[in-house]
Amino acid sequence: MAQVDYSELTRTVASLVEGEADPVALMATLACEVHHADDRFDWTGFYRVVSEGLLKIGPYQGGHGCLTIPFDKGVCGAAARTGKVQLVPDVDAFPGHIACASSTRSELVLPVFNSAGEVIAVFDIDSDRPEAFTEADADGLSGILARTFGRI
C-alpha cells in the first residue's frame, strides 16, 4: 500500500492556501488535494458544525455524502463530539456507523479546530478497502489541518 508523502502534501497545501482565511475555500482546496493524493481515498470531505450538535456536508470529492449528521451518530459525530481522531479499520464493527455509501469499508475522521480550539468541522475520509488507514495518515492529516485551520 503506497503511503502519502505528507511532507510534500503539507508544502503543496500551504502554498495553495497562503493568505486565504475563508474556511469553505480552505476546505474545498484541502478536500481536492487530499482526495487526489492517494487511491485509497474514495470519499474525502468536510462536515461543518452548523449548530449545536449538528454537522452539515461541506466541500468534498467523491460520490454523494450524507447531508446532515448529528453529533450522537456515526464516526463523524463521534469525532465532532469528542474532539478526537476516529480511525476505523472496519466500519461494520463501529457501533452506530452511518452508511452514507454502501462501498465504505474503513474510515478516518479528524476533528478540525479553529484558533480558539473550537471544533468547526470534521474531515472525513472513506475507503472502499478495509483497514485502509494508518496512524501515519492520522498524524499527517492532523498536522495539515492544524496548520490550515488553526490560524482562523
N, C-alpha and C. Protein backbone atom coordinates (compact mmCIF):
# COMPACT_ATOMS: atom_id res chain seq x y z
N MET A 1 0.85 -1.18 0.00
CA MET A 1 0.00 0.00 0.00
C MET A 1 0.90 1.24 0.00
N ALA A 2 0.76 2.07 -1.00
CA ALA A 2 1.55 3.29 -1.10
C ALA A 2 1.12 4.28 -0.02
N GLN A 3 2.07 4.94 0.54
CA GLN A 3 1.79 5.95 1.55
C GLN A 3 1.91 7.34 0.94
N VAL A 4 1.08 8.23 1.43
CA VAL A 4 1.14 9.63 1.01
C VAL A 4 2.42 10.24 1.57
N ASP A 5 3.06 11.08 0.78
CA ASP A 5 4.20 11.86 1.26
C ASP A 5 3.62 13.10 1.94
N TYR A 6 3.41 13.00 3.26
CA TYR A 6 2.74 14.09 3.97
C TYR A 6 3.58 15.36 4.05
N SER A 7 4.89 15.24 3.99
CA SER A 7 5.73 16.45 3.95
C SER A 7 5.46 17.23 2.66
N GLU A 8 5.42 16.51 1.55
CA GLU A 8 5.14 17.14 0.26
C GLU A 8 3.71 17.69 0.21
N LEU A 9 2.75 16.91 0.70
CA LEU A 9 1.36 17.35 0.71
C LEU A 9 1.20 18.60 1.58
N THR A 10 1.90 18.64 2.69
CA THR A 10 1.85 19.82 3.57
C THR A 10 2.35 21.06 2.84
N ARG A 11 3.47 20.92 2.13
CA ARG A 11 4.02 22.06 1.37
C ARG A 11 3.06 22.49 0.26
N THR A 12 2.48 21.54 -0.44
CA THR A 12 1.55 21.86 -1.53
C THR A 12 0.34 22.61 -1.01
N VAL A 13 -0.28 22.08 0.05
CA VAL A 13 -1.46 22.72 0.62
C VAL A 13 -1.11 24.12 1.13
N ALA A 14 0.02 24.25 1.82
CA ALA A 14 0.42 25.56 2.36
C ALA A 14 0.58 26.58 1.24
N SER A 15 1.16 26.18 0.11
CA SER A 15 1.34 27.13 -0.98
C SER A 15 0.01 27.49 -1.63
N LEU A 16 -0.91 26.54 -1.70
CA LEU A 16 -2.21 26.81 -2.33
C LEU A 16 -3.10 27.71 -1.48
N VAL A 17 -3.00 27.61 -0.16
CA VAL A 17 -3.92 28.36 0.72
C VAL A 17 -3.27 29.58 1.36
N GLU A 18 -2.07 29.89 0.97
CA GLU A 18 -1.37 31.04 1.56
C GLU A 18 -2.22 32.30 1.43
N GLY A 19 -2.46 32.96 2.57
CA GLY A 19 -3.21 34.20 2.60
C GLY A 19 -4.72 34.02 2.60
N GLU A 20 -5.22 32.79 2.49
CA GLU A 20 -6.67 32.54 2.47
C GLU A 20 -7.17 32.30 3.89
N ALA A 21 -8.27 32.95 4.23
CA ALA A 21 -8.85 32.79 5.57
C ALA A 21 -10.28 32.27 5.54
N ASP A 22 -10.88 32.16 4.35
CA ASP A 22 -12.26 31.69 4.28
C ASP A 22 -12.29 30.18 4.51
N PRO A 23 -13.01 29.72 5.54
CA PRO A 23 -13.00 28.29 5.86
C PRO A 23 -13.50 27.39 4.72
N VAL A 24 -14.51 27.82 3.99
CA VAL A 24 -15.04 26.98 2.91
C VAL A 24 -14.02 26.86 1.77
N ALA A 25 -13.35 27.95 1.44
CA ALA A 25 -12.31 27.89 0.41
C ALA A 25 -11.17 26.97 0.84
N LEU A 26 -10.80 27.05 2.11
CA LEU A 26 -9.75 26.17 2.64
C LEU A 26 -10.20 24.70 2.57
N MET A 27 -11.44 24.44 2.97
CA MET A 27 -11.97 23.08 2.94
C MET A 27 -12.01 22.52 1.53
N ALA A 28 -12.46 23.32 0.57
CA ALA A 28 -12.55 22.87 -0.82
C ALA A 28 -11.18 22.50 -1.37
N THR A 29 -10.19 23.34 -1.09
CA THR A 29 -8.84 23.10 -1.58
C THR A 29 -8.24 21.86 -0.94
N LEU A 30 -8.40 21.75 0.38
CA LEU A 30 -7.85 20.60 1.08
C LEU A 30 -8.52 19.29 0.66
N ALA A 31 -9.84 19.30 0.51
CA ALA A 31 -10.55 18.09 0.08
C ALA A 31 -10.04 17.62 -1.28
N CYS A 32 -9.84 18.55 -2.19
CA CYS A 32 -9.36 18.21 -3.53
C CYS A 32 -7.94 17.63 -3.48
N GLU A 33 -7.05 18.32 -2.80
CA GLU A 33 -5.65 17.88 -2.76
C GLU A 33 -5.50 16.52 -2.08
N VAL A 34 -6.17 16.34 -0.96
CA VAL A 34 -6.05 15.07 -0.24
C VAL A 34 -6.69 13.94 -1.03
N HIS A 35 -7.84 14.19 -1.61
CA HIS A 35 -8.55 13.15 -2.35
C HIS A 35 -7.69 12.58 -3.48
N HIS A 36 -6.97 13.45 -4.15
CA HIS A 36 -6.17 13.01 -5.29
C HIS A 36 -4.75 12.58 -4.91
N ALA A 37 -4.45 12.59 -3.61
CA ALA A 37 -3.10 12.23 -3.16
C ALA A 37 -2.90 10.72 -3.05
N ASP A 38 -4.00 9.96 -2.98
CA ASP A 38 -3.86 8.53 -2.73
C ASP A 38 -5.11 7.80 -3.21
N ASP A 39 -4.94 6.69 -3.91
CA ASP A 39 -6.11 5.98 -4.42
C ASP A 39 -6.87 5.20 -3.35
N ARG A 40 -6.37 5.18 -2.12
CA ARG A 40 -7.15 4.60 -1.02
C ARG A 40 -8.31 5.50 -0.65
N PHE A 41 -8.20 6.78 -0.96
CA PHE A 41 -9.18 7.79 -0.54
C PHE A 41 -10.34 7.81 -1.54
N ASP A 42 -11.45 7.17 -1.15
CA ASP A 42 -12.60 7.01 -2.03
C ASP A 42 -13.58 8.18 -1.91
N TRP A 43 -13.71 8.73 -0.72
CA TRP A 43 -14.55 9.92 -0.44
C TRP A 43 -13.78 10.77 0.55
N THR A 44 -13.65 12.03 0.23
CA THR A 44 -12.83 12.92 1.04
C THR A 44 -13.56 14.24 1.19
N GLY A 45 -13.89 14.62 2.41
CA GLY A 45 -14.60 15.88 2.55
C GLY A 45 -14.85 16.30 3.99
N PHE A 46 -15.53 17.40 4.09
CA PHE A 46 -15.79 18.03 5.37
C PHE A 46 -17.27 17.99 5.72
N TYR A 47 -17.53 17.85 7.00
CA TYR A 47 -18.84 18.10 7.58
C TYR A 47 -18.64 19.26 8.55
N ARG A 48 -19.36 20.36 8.31
CA ARG A 48 -19.21 21.59 9.09
C ARG A 48 -20.18 21.61 10.27
N VAL A 49 -19.71 22.14 11.39
CA VAL A 49 -20.60 22.36 12.53
C VAL A 49 -21.47 23.57 12.18
N VAL A 50 -22.79 23.35 12.07
CA VAL A 50 -23.70 24.42 11.67
C VAL A 50 -24.60 24.88 12.82
N SER A 51 -24.74 24.06 13.82
CA SER A 51 -25.47 24.43 15.03
C SER A 51 -25.05 23.45 16.11
N GLU A 52 -25.47 23.70 17.32
CA GLU A 52 -25.06 22.83 18.42
C GLU A 52 -25.48 21.38 18.14
N GLY A 53 -24.48 20.50 18.08
CA GLY A 53 -24.75 19.09 17.91
C GLY A 53 -25.11 18.65 16.51
N LEU A 54 -24.85 19.49 15.49
CA LEU A 54 -25.24 19.12 14.12
C LEU A 54 -24.15 19.46 13.11
N LEU A 55 -23.84 18.48 12.28
CA LEU A 55 -22.90 18.64 11.16
C LEU A 55 -23.69 18.68 9.86
N LYS A 56 -23.21 19.50 8.92
CA LYS A 56 -23.81 19.56 7.59
C LYS A 56 -22.68 19.41 6.59
N ILE A 57 -22.96 18.71 5.49
CA ILE A 57 -21.94 18.42 4.49
C ILE A 57 -21.34 19.72 3.95
N GLY A 58 -20.04 19.67 3.74
CA GLY A 58 -19.31 20.81 3.19
C GLY A 58 -18.61 20.38 1.91
N PRO A 59 -17.58 21.08 1.53
CA PRO A 59 -16.85 20.71 0.32
C PRO A 59 -16.32 19.28 0.41
N TYR A 60 -16.47 18.55 -0.69
CA TYR A 60 -15.99 17.16 -0.72
C TYR A 60 -15.67 16.74 -2.14
N GLN A 61 -15.00 15.60 -2.24
CA GLN A 61 -14.68 14.93 -3.50
C GLN A 61 -15.18 13.50 -3.38
N GLY A 62 -15.84 12.99 -4.42
CA GLY A 62 -16.34 11.63 -4.41
C GLY A 62 -17.83 11.63 -4.63
N GLY A 63 -18.46 10.49 -4.38
CA GLY A 63 -19.91 10.37 -4.55
C GLY A 63 -20.65 11.16 -3.50
N HIS A 64 -21.97 11.10 -3.55
CA HIS A 64 -22.79 11.84 -2.59
C HIS A 64 -22.51 11.38 -1.17
N GLY A 65 -22.59 12.32 -0.24
CA GLY A 65 -22.47 12.01 1.17
C GLY A 65 -23.78 12.28 1.88
N CYS A 66 -23.82 11.98 3.16
CA CYS A 66 -25.00 12.33 3.97
C CYS A 66 -25.07 13.85 4.06
N LEU A 67 -26.26 14.41 4.04
CA LEU A 67 -26.40 15.87 4.10
C LEU A 67 -26.20 16.40 5.51
N THR A 68 -26.74 15.71 6.50
CA THR A 68 -26.56 16.12 7.89
C THR A 68 -26.21 14.91 8.74
N ILE A 69 -25.43 15.17 9.79
CA ILE A 69 -25.06 14.12 10.74
C ILE A 69 -25.11 14.73 12.14
N PRO A 70 -25.94 14.18 13.02
CA PRO A 70 -25.93 14.65 14.41
C PRO A 70 -24.66 14.19 15.13
N PHE A 71 -24.23 14.95 16.12
CA PHE A 71 -23.03 14.60 16.88
C PHE A 71 -23.16 13.24 17.55
N ASP A 72 -24.37 12.77 17.81
CA ASP A 72 -24.54 11.50 18.52
C ASP A 72 -24.66 10.30 17.58
N LYS A 73 -24.34 10.49 16.29
CA LYS A 73 -24.44 9.40 15.31
C LYS A 73 -23.14 9.24 14.54
N GLY A 74 -22.78 8.00 14.30
CA GLY A 74 -21.72 7.68 13.37
C GLY A 74 -20.31 8.09 13.78
N VAL A 75 -19.39 7.83 12.86
CA VAL A 75 -17.97 8.12 13.07
C VAL A 75 -17.73 9.62 13.06
N CYS A 76 -18.37 10.34 12.14
CA CYS A 76 -18.21 11.80 12.08
C CYS A 76 -18.74 12.46 13.35
N GLY A 77 -19.89 12.00 13.79
CA GLY A 77 -20.46 12.54 15.03
C GLY A 77 -19.55 12.30 16.21
N ALA A 78 -18.93 11.11 16.28
CA ALA A 78 -18.01 10.80 17.37
C ALA A 78 -16.80 11.73 17.36
N ALA A 79 -16.26 12.02 16.18
CA ALA A 79 -15.10 12.92 16.09
C ALA A 79 -15.49 14.33 16.53
N ALA A 80 -16.67 14.79 16.11
CA ALA A 80 -17.13 16.13 16.49
C ALA A 80 -17.43 16.21 17.99
N ARG A 81 -18.06 15.19 18.51
CA ARG A 81 -18.48 15.17 19.91
C ARG A 81 -17.28 15.10 20.86
N THR A 82 -16.29 14.26 20.52
CA THR A 82 -15.16 14.02 21.41
C THR A 82 -13.95 14.90 21.12
N GLY A 83 -13.89 15.45 19.91
CA GLY A 83 -12.70 16.20 19.51
C GLY A 83 -11.49 15.30 19.29
N LYS A 84 -11.74 14.03 19.05
CA LYS A 84 -10.65 13.06 18.88
C LYS A 84 -10.74 12.38 17.51
N VAL A 85 -9.57 12.05 16.97
CA VAL A 85 -9.47 11.34 15.71
C VAL A 85 -10.15 9.98 15.85
N GLN A 86 -10.91 9.62 14.82
CA GLN A 86 -11.55 8.31 14.76
C GLN A 86 -10.93 7.53 13.60
N LEU A 87 -10.16 6.50 13.94
CA LEU A 87 -9.51 5.64 12.95
C LEU A 87 -10.23 4.29 13.00
N VAL A 88 -11.04 4.03 11.98
CA VAL A 88 -11.94 2.87 12.00
C VAL A 88 -11.55 1.91 10.89
N PRO A 89 -10.91 0.78 11.24
CA PRO A 89 -10.48 -0.17 10.21
C PRO A 89 -11.62 -0.93 9.56
N ASP A 90 -12.75 -1.08 10.27
CA ASP A 90 -13.90 -1.81 9.74
C ASP A 90 -15.17 -1.08 10.19
N VAL A 91 -15.80 -0.36 9.27
CA VAL A 91 -16.97 0.44 9.65
C VAL A 91 -18.12 -0.42 10.15
N ASP A 92 -18.21 -1.68 9.70
CA ASP A 92 -19.30 -2.54 10.16
C ASP A 92 -19.16 -2.88 11.65
N ALA A 93 -17.97 -2.74 12.19
CA ALA A 93 -17.74 -3.03 13.61
C ALA A 93 -17.88 -1.78 14.48
N PHE A 94 -18.14 -0.62 13.87
CA PHE A 94 -18.28 0.63 14.63
C PHE A 94 -19.74 0.80 15.04
N PRO A 95 -20.03 0.82 16.34
CA PRO A 95 -21.43 0.96 16.78
C PRO A 95 -22.04 2.27 16.27
N GLY A 96 -23.19 2.17 15.62
CA GLY A 96 -23.89 3.36 15.15
C GLY A 96 -23.35 3.94 13.86
N HIS A 97 -22.51 3.19 13.15
CA HIS A 97 -21.97 3.71 11.88
C HIS A 97 -23.12 4.08 10.94
N ILE A 98 -22.99 5.23 10.29
CA ILE A 98 -23.97 5.68 9.31
C ILE A 98 -23.42 5.33 7.93
N ALA A 99 -24.15 4.54 7.18
CA ALA A 99 -23.70 4.12 5.85
C ALA A 99 -24.16 5.13 4.81
N CYS A 100 -23.39 6.21 4.66
CA CYS A 100 -23.71 7.20 3.62
C CYS A 100 -23.46 6.60 2.24
N ALA A 101 -22.48 5.71 2.16
CA ALA A 101 -22.19 5.00 0.90
C ALA A 101 -21.96 3.53 1.25
N SER A 102 -22.62 2.65 0.54
CA SER A 102 -22.52 1.22 0.83
C SER A 102 -21.13 0.66 0.53
N SER A 103 -20.33 1.38 -0.25
CA SER A 103 -18.99 0.90 -0.62
C SER A 103 -17.95 1.13 0.48
N THR A 104 -18.25 1.96 1.48
CA THR A 104 -17.27 2.30 2.51
C THR A 104 -16.97 1.09 3.39
N ARG A 105 -15.67 0.77 3.52
CA ARG A 105 -15.21 -0.34 4.36
C ARG A 105 -14.44 0.17 5.58
N SER A 106 -13.70 1.27 5.42
CA SER A 106 -12.94 1.83 6.55
C SER A 106 -13.01 3.35 6.45
N GLU A 107 -12.69 4.00 7.59
CA GLU A 107 -12.91 5.44 7.65
C GLU A 107 -11.90 6.08 8.60
N LEU A 108 -11.51 7.29 8.26
CA LEU A 108 -10.66 8.13 9.11
C LEU A 108 -11.33 9.48 9.20
N VAL A 109 -11.66 9.90 10.42
CA VAL A 109 -12.32 11.19 10.62
C VAL A 109 -11.51 11.98 11.65
N LEU A 110 -11.18 13.22 11.27
CA LEU A 110 -10.36 14.07 12.12
C LEU A 110 -11.13 15.34 12.47
N PRO A 111 -11.12 15.72 13.75
CA PRO A 111 -11.75 16.99 14.11
C PRO A 111 -10.93 18.15 13.55
N VAL A 112 -11.62 19.24 13.19
CA VAL A 112 -10.97 20.44 12.67
C VAL A 112 -11.21 21.55 13.70
N PHE A 113 -10.12 22.11 14.20
CA PHE A 113 -10.18 23.15 15.23
C PHE A 113 -9.81 24.50 14.67
N ASN A 114 -10.46 25.56 15.14
CA ASN A 114 -10.05 26.91 14.79
C ASN A 114 -9.01 27.39 15.81
N SER A 115 -8.58 28.64 15.69
CA SER A 115 -7.53 29.15 16.58
C SER A 115 -7.97 29.23 18.03
N ALA A 116 -9.28 29.24 18.29
CA ALA A 116 -9.80 29.26 19.67
C ALA A 116 -9.92 27.85 20.24
N GLY A 117 -9.57 26.83 19.46
CA GLY A 117 -9.65 25.46 19.93
C GLY A 117 -11.04 24.85 19.83
N GLU A 118 -11.93 25.51 19.09
CA GLU A 118 -13.30 25.01 18.91
C GLU A 118 -13.35 24.09 17.69
N VAL A 119 -14.13 23.02 17.79
CA VAL A 119 -14.35 22.14 16.64
C VAL A 119 -15.29 22.88 15.68
N ILE A 120 -14.80 23.16 14.48
CA ILE A 120 -15.62 23.86 13.48
C ILE A 120 -16.10 22.92 12.38
N ALA A 121 -15.50 21.71 12.32
CA ALA A 121 -15.84 20.75 11.28
C ALA A 121 -15.15 19.43 11.62
N VAL A 122 -15.46 18.42 10.82
CA VAL A 122 -14.66 17.19 10.81
C VAL A 122 -14.25 16.93 9.37
N PHE A 123 -13.08 16.34 9.22
CA PHE A 123 -12.56 15.95 7.91
C PHE A 123 -12.69 14.44 7.81
N ASP A 124 -13.50 13.99 6.87
CA ASP A 124 -13.88 12.59 6.74
C ASP A 124 -13.25 12.00 5.49
N ILE A 125 -12.56 10.89 5.66
CA ILE A 125 -12.00 10.18 4.52
C ILE A 125 -12.50 8.74 4.60
N ASP A 126 -13.16 8.30 3.54
CA ASP A 126 -13.67 6.93 3.46
C ASP A 126 -12.85 6.17 2.44
N SER A 127 -12.76 4.86 2.66
CA SER A 127 -12.10 3.99 1.69
C SER A 127 -12.99 2.79 1.41
N ASP A 128 -12.92 2.31 0.18
CA ASP A 128 -13.65 1.10 -0.18
C ASP A 128 -12.82 -0.14 0.16
N ARG A 129 -11.70 0.07 0.87
CA ARG A 129 -10.83 -1.03 1.30
C ARG A 129 -10.89 -1.15 2.82
N PRO A 130 -10.90 -2.36 3.35
CA PRO A 130 -10.82 -2.50 4.80
C PRO A 130 -9.41 -2.12 5.29
N GLU A 131 -9.33 -1.62 6.50
CA GLU A 131 -8.06 -1.30 7.14
C GLU A 131 -7.16 -0.44 6.25
N ALA A 132 -7.75 0.55 5.60
CA ALA A 132 -7.01 1.36 4.63
C ALA A 132 -6.12 2.42 5.27
N PHE A 133 -6.43 2.82 6.50
CA PHE A 133 -5.75 3.97 7.10
C PHE A 133 -4.84 3.55 8.25
N THR A 134 -3.81 4.37 8.45
CA THR A 134 -2.82 4.11 9.49
C THR A 134 -2.70 5.32 10.42
N GLU A 135 -1.98 5.13 11.49
CA GLU A 135 -1.67 6.25 12.39
C GLU A 135 -0.87 7.32 11.65
N ALA A 136 -0.04 6.90 10.69
CA ALA A 136 0.73 7.88 9.90
C ALA A 136 -0.21 8.78 9.11
N ASP A 137 -1.30 8.22 8.58
CA ASP A 137 -2.29 9.05 7.88
C ASP A 137 -2.93 10.03 8.87
N ALA A 138 -3.32 9.53 10.03
CA ALA A 138 -3.97 10.38 11.04
C ALA A 138 -3.03 11.51 11.47
N ASP A 139 -1.76 11.17 11.71
CA ASP A 139 -0.79 12.19 12.14
C ASP A 139 -0.51 13.21 11.04
N GLY A 140 -0.30 12.73 9.82
CA GLY A 140 0.00 13.63 8.71
C GLY A 140 -1.15 14.58 8.42
N LEU A 141 -2.36 14.05 8.40
CA LEU A 141 -3.52 14.90 8.13
C LEU A 141 -3.84 15.82 9.28
N SER A 142 -3.64 15.37 10.51
CA SER A 142 -3.86 16.25 11.68
C SER A 142 -2.94 17.46 11.62
N GLY A 143 -1.71 17.23 11.22
CA GLY A 143 -0.76 18.34 11.08
C GLY A 143 -1.18 19.34 10.02
N ILE A 144 -1.64 18.84 8.89
CA ILE A 144 -2.10 19.72 7.81
C ILE A 144 -3.31 20.51 8.26
N LEU A 145 -4.26 19.85 8.92
CA LEU A 145 -5.45 20.55 9.40
C LEU A 145 -5.09 21.64 10.42
N ALA A 146 -4.19 21.33 11.33
CA ALA A 146 -3.78 22.31 12.34
C ALA A 146 -3.14 23.53 11.68
N ARG A 147 -2.27 23.31 10.71
CA ARG A 147 -1.62 24.44 10.02
C ARG A 147 -2.62 25.25 9.20
N THR A 148 -3.59 24.58 8.61
CA THR A 148 -4.52 25.24 7.71
C THR A 148 -5.61 26.00 8.47
N PHE A 149 -6.20 25.38 9.49
CA PHE A 149 -7.35 25.96 10.16
C PHE A 149 -7.03 26.58 11.52
N GLY A 150 -5.87 26.29 12.08
CA GLY A 150 -5.51 26.80 13.39
C GLY A 150 -5.23 28.28 13.42
N ARG A 151 -5.27 28.93 12.28
CA ARG A 151 -5.00 30.37 12.21
C ARG A 151 -6.25 31.18 11.95
N ILE A 152 -7.42 30.51 11.80
CA ILE A 152 -8.67 31.26 11.54
C ILE A 152 -9.54 31.31 12.77
